[in-house]
Amino acid sequence: MTVMDKEIVFDRLRAWLIRANPEVALMMLQPGTDIIESRILESLQVVDFILFIEAESGEHILSEDLNPNKLRTLDSIYESFFRTGHD
């Protein structure tokens, strides 16, 4: 996996979430915003979002490696799937 700048990752994740949910205001999508609790990411969009994360990170995400906390915020997504040496 190539290391990606955190802000680039955040920008790409925000862009995907806004395309998927256009009524979401950009200012709502801060690194610590809970995208599940605030319903920015709807349950039917989760699989597509995971596929997007896989494409961006260049790594396959195994179902046993997934839990809602890893997808809860931009920060947790970055830490779980984009940082070097993630588990």
N, C-alpha and C. Protein backbone atom coordinates (compact mmCIF):
# COMPACT_ATOMS: atom_id res chain seq x y z
N MET A 1 0.85 -1.18 0.00
CA MET A 1 0.00 0.00 0.00
C MET A 1 0.88 1.23 0.00
N THR A 2 0.54 2.20 -0.82
CA THR A 2 1.26 3.46 -0.78
C THR A 2 0.66 4.35 0.29
N VAL A 3 1.52 5.09 0.96
CA VAL A 3 1.06 5.98 2.00
C VAL A 3 0.43 7.21 1.35
N MET A 4 -0.77 7.56 1.77
CA MET A 4 -1.46 8.72 1.24
C MET A 4 -1.54 9.79 2.31
N ASP A 5 -1.38 11.03 1.89
CA ASP A 5 -1.52 12.15 2.80
C ASP A 5 -2.93 12.15 3.40
N LYS A 6 -3.00 12.38 4.68
CA LYS A 6 -4.27 12.33 5.41
C LYS A 6 -5.30 13.29 4.82
N GLU A 7 -4.91 14.50 4.46
CA GLU A 7 -5.86 15.47 3.91
C GLU A 7 -6.37 15.04 2.53
N ILE A 8 -5.52 14.41 1.75
CA ILE A 8 -5.96 13.90 0.44
C ILE A 8 -7.00 12.80 0.65
N VAL A 9 -6.73 11.90 1.58
CA VAL A 9 -7.69 10.84 1.89
C VAL A 9 -9.01 11.45 2.36
N PHE A 10 -8.94 12.40 3.28
CA PHE A 10 -10.16 13.05 3.78
C PHE A 10 -10.93 13.70 2.64
N ASP A 11 -10.24 14.41 1.76
CA ASP A 11 -10.90 15.07 0.63
C ASP A 11 -11.61 14.07 -0.27
N ARG A 12 -10.98 12.95 -0.55
CA ARG A 12 -11.58 11.93 -1.41
C ARG A 12 -12.77 11.26 -0.73
N LEU A 13 -12.65 10.98 0.56
CA LEU A 13 -13.77 10.39 1.29
C LEU A 13 -14.94 11.36 1.37
N ARG A 14 -14.65 12.63 1.65
CA ARG A 14 -15.72 13.66 1.70
C ARG A 14 -16.42 13.76 0.35
N ALA A 15 -15.64 13.78 -0.73
CA ALA A 15 -16.22 13.91 -2.08
C ALA A 15 -17.17 12.73 -2.36
N TRP A 16 -16.75 11.52 -2.00
CA TRP A 16 -17.61 10.36 -2.22
C TRP A 16 -18.89 10.49 -1.41
N LEU A 17 -18.76 10.85 -0.16
CA LEU A 17 -19.94 10.96 0.71
C LEU A 17 -20.90 12.05 0.23
N ILE A 18 -20.38 13.14 -0.27
CA ILE A 18 -21.24 14.22 -0.78
C ILE A 18 -21.92 13.79 -2.07
N ARG A 19 -21.19 13.08 -2.95
CA ARG A 19 -21.83 12.56 -4.17
C ARG A 19 -22.94 11.57 -3.81
N ALA A 20 -22.70 10.74 -2.81
CA ALA A 20 -23.69 9.73 -2.42
C ALA A 20 -24.88 10.34 -1.68
N ASN A 21 -24.66 11.49 -1.05
CA ASN A 21 -25.67 12.12 -0.22
C ASN A 21 -25.56 13.64 -0.39
N PRO A 22 -26.03 14.17 -1.54
CA PRO A 22 -25.80 15.58 -1.89
C PRO A 22 -26.33 16.61 -0.88
N GLU A 23 -27.31 16.25 -0.09
CA GLU A 23 -27.84 17.22 0.87
C GLU A 23 -26.93 17.43 2.07
N VAL A 24 -25.87 16.64 2.17
CA VAL A 24 -24.92 16.79 3.28
C VAL A 24 -24.07 18.04 3.05
N ALA A 25 -24.03 18.90 4.02
CA ALA A 25 -23.22 20.11 3.92
C ALA A 25 -21.76 19.76 4.16
N LEU A 26 -20.88 20.35 3.38
CA LEU A 26 -19.45 20.09 3.51
C LEU A 26 -18.96 20.34 4.93
N MET A 27 -19.50 21.37 5.59
CA MET A 27 -19.03 21.69 6.93
C MET A 27 -19.39 20.62 7.96
N MET A 28 -20.35 19.75 7.63
CA MET A 28 -20.71 18.66 8.53
C MET A 28 -19.66 17.56 8.52
N LEU A 29 -18.84 17.51 7.50
CA LEU A 29 -17.92 16.40 7.32
C LEU A 29 -16.53 16.73 7.85
N GLN A 30 -16.45 16.89 9.13
CA GLN A 30 -15.17 17.11 9.80
C GLN A 30 -14.54 15.75 10.09
N PRO A 31 -13.23 15.68 10.37
CA PRO A 31 -12.58 14.40 10.62
C PRO A 31 -13.20 13.57 11.74
N GLY A 32 -13.80 14.21 12.73
CA GLY A 32 -14.39 13.49 13.85
C GLY A 32 -15.89 13.32 13.77
N THR A 33 -16.52 13.78 12.69
CA THR A 33 -17.97 13.65 12.53
C THR A 33 -18.35 12.18 12.43
N ASP A 34 -19.30 11.75 13.21
CA ASP A 34 -19.78 10.37 13.16
C ASP A 34 -20.71 10.23 11.96
N ILE A 35 -20.20 9.64 10.88
CA ILE A 35 -20.98 9.58 9.64
C ILE A 35 -22.08 8.53 9.69
N ILE A 36 -22.01 7.62 10.63
CA ILE A 36 -23.07 6.62 10.79
C ILE A 36 -24.19 7.19 11.65
N GLU A 37 -23.82 7.69 12.83
CA GLU A 37 -24.81 8.26 13.76
C GLU A 37 -25.56 9.44 13.14
N SER A 38 -24.86 10.28 12.39
CA SER A 38 -25.49 11.45 11.78
C SER A 38 -26.19 11.12 10.46
N ARG A 39 -26.16 9.86 10.09
CA ARG A 39 -26.83 9.35 8.88
C ARG A 39 -26.29 9.97 7.59
N ILE A 40 -25.05 10.38 7.61
CA ILE A 40 -24.40 10.83 6.38
C ILE A 40 -24.18 9.63 5.48
N LEU A 41 -23.86 8.50 6.08
CA LEU A 41 -23.71 7.24 5.36
C LEU A 41 -24.90 6.36 5.71
N GLU A 42 -25.74 6.09 4.74
CA GLU A 42 -26.91 5.25 4.95
C GLU A 42 -26.52 3.78 4.84
N SER A 43 -27.28 2.93 5.45
CA SER A 43 -26.94 1.50 5.50
C SER A 43 -26.81 0.89 4.10
N LEU A 44 -27.62 1.32 3.16
CA LEU A 44 -27.55 0.78 1.80
C LEU A 44 -26.31 1.24 1.05
N GLN A 45 -25.63 2.25 1.55
CA GLN A 45 -24.43 2.77 0.90
C GLN A 45 -23.14 2.17 1.45
N VAL A 46 -23.23 1.42 2.53
CA VAL A 46 -22.03 0.93 3.21
C VAL A 46 -21.16 0.06 2.29
N VAL A 47 -21.77 -0.87 1.57
CA VAL A 47 -20.98 -1.75 0.71
C VAL A 47 -20.26 -0.94 -0.37
N ASP A 48 -20.97 -0.02 -1.01
CA ASP A 48 -20.32 0.82 -2.02
C ASP A 48 -19.19 1.65 -1.42
N PHE A 49 -19.38 2.14 -0.22
CA PHE A 49 -18.35 2.93 0.45
C PHE A 49 -17.13 2.07 0.76
N ILE A 50 -17.36 0.85 1.21
CA ILE A 50 -16.24 -0.07 1.48
C ILE A 50 -15.49 -0.37 0.19
N LEU A 51 -16.20 -0.57 -0.91
CA LEU A 51 -15.55 -0.81 -2.21
C LEU A 51 -14.72 0.41 -2.62
N PHE A 52 -15.22 1.61 -2.35
CA PHE A 52 -14.48 2.83 -2.64
C PHE A 52 -13.21 2.89 -1.79
N ILE A 53 -13.32 2.58 -0.52
CA ILE A 53 -12.16 2.58 0.38
C ILE A 53 -11.12 1.57 -0.11
N GLU A 54 -11.58 0.39 -0.53
CA GLU A 54 -10.65 -0.61 -1.07
C GLU A 54 -9.92 -0.07 -2.31
N ALA A 55 -10.65 0.56 -3.20
CA ALA A 55 -10.03 1.11 -4.41
C ALA A 55 -9.03 2.20 -4.08
N GLU A 56 -9.36 3.05 -3.15
CA GLU A 56 -8.47 4.15 -2.77
C GLU A 56 -7.24 3.65 -2.01
N SER A 57 -7.42 2.68 -1.14
CA SER A 57 -6.30 2.19 -0.33
C SER A 57 -5.45 1.16 -1.07
N GLY A 58 -6.04 0.55 -2.09
CA GLY A 58 -5.32 -0.47 -2.84
C GLY A 58 -5.27 -1.80 -2.14
N GLU A 59 -6.11 -1.99 -1.12
CA GLU A 59 -6.12 -3.23 -0.36
C GLU A 59 -7.54 -3.76 -0.22
N HIS A 60 -7.66 -5.08 -0.25
CA HIS A 60 -8.94 -5.73 -0.02
C HIS A 60 -9.25 -5.71 1.48
N ILE A 61 -10.49 -5.41 1.81
CA ILE A 61 -10.91 -5.39 3.22
C ILE A 61 -11.70 -6.67 3.48
N LEU A 62 -11.19 -7.48 4.37
CA LEU A 62 -11.86 -8.73 4.72
C LEU A 62 -13.04 -8.45 5.65
N SER A 63 -14.10 -9.22 5.49
CA SER A 63 -15.29 -8.99 6.31
C SER A 63 -14.99 -9.15 7.80
N GLU A 64 -14.08 -10.03 8.14
CA GLU A 64 -13.75 -10.20 9.56
C GLU A 64 -12.96 -9.03 10.13
N ASP A 65 -12.41 -8.19 9.25
CA ASP A 65 -11.68 -7.00 9.69
C ASP A 65 -12.59 -5.79 9.86
N LEU A 66 -13.85 -5.93 9.51
CA LEU A 66 -14.77 -4.80 9.57
C LEU A 66 -15.53 -4.78 10.89
N ASN A 67 -15.68 -3.59 11.42
CA ASN A 67 -16.62 -3.35 12.50
C ASN A 67 -17.06 -1.90 12.36
N PRO A 68 -18.24 -1.56 12.85
CA PRO A 68 -18.77 -0.21 12.64
C PRO A 68 -17.84 0.91 13.11
N ASN A 69 -17.06 0.66 14.15
CA ASN A 69 -16.17 1.71 14.65
C ASN A 69 -15.10 2.11 13.66
N LYS A 70 -14.69 1.19 12.79
CA LYS A 70 -13.69 1.51 11.78
C LYS A 70 -14.24 2.42 10.69
N LEU A 71 -15.57 2.46 10.54
CA LEU A 71 -16.21 3.27 9.51
C LEU A 71 -16.93 4.49 10.10
N ARG A 72 -16.75 4.75 11.36
CA ARG A 72 -17.54 5.76 12.06
C ARG A 72 -17.16 7.20 11.70
N THR A 73 -15.88 7.50 11.56
CA THR A 73 -15.43 8.86 11.27
C THR A 73 -14.35 8.82 10.19
N LEU A 74 -14.07 9.98 9.60
CA LEU A 74 -12.97 10.05 8.63
C LEU A 74 -11.66 9.66 9.31
N ASP A 75 -11.48 10.10 10.55
CA ASP A 75 -10.28 9.74 11.31
C ASP A 75 -10.16 8.22 11.47
N SER A 76 -11.24 7.57 11.88
CA SER A 76 -11.16 6.12 12.11
C SER A 76 -10.97 5.36 10.80
N ILE A 77 -11.54 5.85 9.71
CA ILE A 77 -11.34 5.23 8.40
C ILE A 77 -9.87 5.34 7.99
N TYR A 78 -9.31 6.53 8.17
CA TYR A 78 -7.91 6.72 7.83
C TYR A 78 -7.02 5.81 8.68
N GLU A 79 -7.23 5.80 9.97
CA GLU A 79 -6.41 4.99 10.87
C GLU A 79 -6.56 3.49 10.57
N SER A 80 -7.75 3.06 10.20
CA SER A 80 -8.00 1.64 9.98
C SER A 80 -7.54 1.14 8.61
N PHE A 81 -7.62 2.00 7.57
CA PHE A 81 -7.40 1.50 6.21
C PHE A 81 -6.31 2.22 5.41
N PHE A 82 -5.82 3.34 5.88
CA PHE A 82 -4.86 4.10 5.07
C PHE A 82 -3.50 4.29 5.71
N ARG A 83 -3.41 4.20 7.03
CA ARG A 83 -2.12 4.35 7.70
C ARG A 83 -1.24 3.16 7.44
N THR A 84 0.03 3.40 7.35
CA THR A 84 0.99 2.32 7.19
C THR A 84 0.95 1.41 8.40
N GLY A 85 0.93 0.12 8.15
CA GLY A 85 0.96 -0.83 9.26
C GLY A 85 -0.37 -1.01 9.97
N HIS A 86 -1.51 -0.61 9.32
CA HIS A 86 -2.82 -0.81 9.98
C HIS A 86 -3.07 -2.29 10.14
N ASP A 87 -3.98 -2.64 11.09
CA ASP A 87 -4.30 -4.05 11.27
C ASP A 87 -5.65 -4.38 10.69
